[in-house]
C-alpha atoms as a PDB file:
ATOM      1  CA  MET A   1      93.256 246.431 284.903  1.00  0.00           C
ATOM      2  CA  SER A   2      95.756 245.286 287.494  1.00  0.00           C
ATOM      3  CA  GLU A   3      95.549 244.734 291.210  1.00  0.00           C
ATOM      4  CA  THR A   4      98.374 244.884 293.696  1.00  0.00           C
ATOM      5  CA  ILE A   5      98.672 242.110 296.250  1.00  0.00           C
ATOM      6  CA  GLY A   6     101.191 241.613 299.011  1.00  0.00           C
ATOM      7  CA  ILE A   7     102.944 238.495 300.180  1.00  0.00           C
ATOM      8  CA  LYS A   8     105.111 237.889 303.201  1.00  0.00           C
ATOM      9  CA  ILE A   9     108.375 236.013 302.663  1.00  0.00           C
ATOM     10  CA  SER A  10     111.359 235.347 304.879  1.00  0.00           C
ATOM     11  CA  GLN A  11     114.423 237.570 304.891  1.00  0.00           C
ATOM     12  CA  ASP A  12     116.489 234.595 303.683  1.00  0.00           C
ATOM     13  CA  LEU A  13     114.225 234.156 300.681  1.00  0.00           C
ATOM     14  CA  THR A  14     114.366 237.879 299.895  1.00  0.00           C
ATOM     15  CA  GLU A  15     118.161 237.801 299.988  1.00  0.00           C
ATOM     16  CA  GLU A  16     118.291 234.703 297.778  1.00  0.00           C
ATOM     17  CA  MET A  17     115.895 236.278 295.243  1.00  0.00           C
ATOM     18  CA  ALA A  18     118.074 239.398 295.073  1.00  0.00           C
ATOM     19  CA  LYS A  19     120.974 237.308 293.765  1.00  0.00           C
ATOM     20  CA  PHE A  20     119.156 236.709 290.479  1.00  0.00           C
ATOM     21  CA  GLU A  21     118.013 239.069 287.761  1.00  0.00           C
ATOM     22  CA  VAL A  22     114.398 237.939 287.656  1.00  0.00           C
ATOM     23  CA  ASN A  23     111.292 240.061 287.422  1.00  0.00           C
ATOM     24  CA  TRP A  24     109.663 238.344 290.395  1.00  0.00           C
ATOM     25  CA  SER A  25     106.409 240.245 290.018  1.00  0.00           C
ATOM     26  CA  GLU A  26     106.052 239.046 286.425  1.00  0.00           C
ATOM     27  CA  PHE A  27     107.126 235.530 287.407  1.00  0.00           C
ATOM     28  CA  LEU A  28     104.516 235.341 290.168  1.00  0.00           C
ATOM     29  CA  SER A  29     101.808 236.803 287.956  1.00  0.00           C
ATOM     30  CA  GLU A  30     102.508 234.231 285.228  1.00  0.00           C
ATOM     31  CA  SER A  31     102.674 231.417 287.790  1.00  0.00           C
ATOM     32  CA  ILE A  32      99.294 232.406 289.238  1.00  0.00           C
ATOM     33  CA  ASP A  33      97.824 232.596 285.740  1.00  0.00           C
ATOM     34  CA  GLU A  34      99.103 229.093 284.905  1.00  0.00           C
ATOM     35  CA  LYS A  35      97.751 227.692 288.173  1.00  0.00           C
ATOM     36  CA  LEU A  36      94.324 229.211 287.453  1.00  0.00           C
ATOM     37  CA  LYS A  37      94.337 227.660 283.966  1.00  0.00           C
ATOM     38  CA  GLU A  38      95.209 224.284 285.501  1.00  0.00           C
ATOM     39  CA  LEU A  39      92.394 224.593 288.055  1.00  0.00           C
ATOM     40  CA  ARG A  40      89.882 225.552 285.349  1.00  0.00           C
ATOM     41  CA  ARG A  41      90.891 222.533 283.249  1.00  0.00           C
ATOM     42  CA  LYS A  42      90.566 220.282 286.280  1.00  0.00           C
ATOM     43  CA  LYS A  43      87.097 221.662 287.053  1.00  0.00           C
ATOM     44  CA  ILE A  44      85.959 221.083 283.471  1.00  0.00           C
ATOM     45  CA  ALA A  45      87.403 217.546 283.446  1.00  0.00           C
ATOM     46  CA  GLU A  46      85.645 216.726 286.730  1.00  0.00           C
ATOM     47  CA  HIS A  47      82.365 218.021 285.338  1.00  0.00           C
ATOM     48  CA  MET A  48      82.789 215.990 282.152  1.00  0.00           C
ATOM     49  CA  ASP A  49      83.436 212.882 284.267  1.00  0.00           C
ATOM     50  CA  SER A  50      80.281 213.520 286.290  1.00  0.00           C
ATOM     51  CA  ILE A  51      78.262 213.849 283.068  1.00  0.00           C
ATOM     52  CA  ARG A  52      79.758 210.615 281.719  1.00  0.00           C
ATOM     53  CA  LYS A  53      78.784 208.753 284.889  1.00  0.00           C
ATOM     54  CA  LYS A  54      75.191 210.021 284.626  1.00  0.00           C
ATOM     55  CA  THR A  55      74.915 209.164 280.942  1.00  0.00           C
ATOM     56  CA  VAL A  56      76.366 205.673 280.753  1.00  0.00           C
ATOM     57  CA  GLY A  57      74.228 203.726 278.280  1.00  0.00           C
ATOM     58  CA  LYS A  58      72.189 206.773 277.239  1.00  0.00           C
ATOM     59  CA  ASN A  59      72.245 208.516 273.860  1.00  0.00           C
ATOM     60  CA  ILE A  60      73.291 212.078 274.787  1.00  0.00           C
ATOM     61  CA  ASN A  61      75.139 214.708 272.744  1.00  0.00           C
ATOM     62  CA  MET A  62      78.158 215.355 274.994  1.00  0.00           C
ATOM     63  CA  ALA A  63      79.364 218.341 272.973  1.00  0.00           C
ATOM     64  CA  LYS A  64      76.010 220.063 273.466  1.00  0.00           C
ATOM     65  CA  GLU A  65      76.083 219.319 277.215  1.00  0.00           C
ATOM     66  CA  ILE A  66      79.604 220.696 277.587  1.00  0.00           C
ATOM     67  CA  ILE A  67      78.843 223.863 275.618  1.00  0.00           C
ATOM     68  CA  GLY A  68      75.791 224.464 277.792  1.00  0.00           C
ATOM     69  CA  TRP A  69      77.830 224.007 280.970  1.00  0.00           C
ATOM     70  CA  ARG A  70      80.551 226.382 279.782  1.00  0.00           C
ATOM     71  CA  ARG A  71      77.984 229.074 279.030  1.00  0.00           C
ATOM     72  CA  LYS A  72      76.663 228.791 282.591  1.00  0.00           C
ATOM     73  CA  HIS A  73      80.131 229.027 284.159  1.00  0.00           C
END
């Protein structure tokens, strides 16, 4: 399923975009998707770091902890 969103850009930018044969809708959609993937990876990495800090010197199965966290989120 798709959603339509609107953005406001300057007339200059619109004119510049028109000079190139680019599917801007597809480009923006892919760019948003990549940014979301990056943010998800960052969130997971931050969570893993927080687990590491809490478990320094303890015998904990990190893989099990990570799998459990992913299931919750």
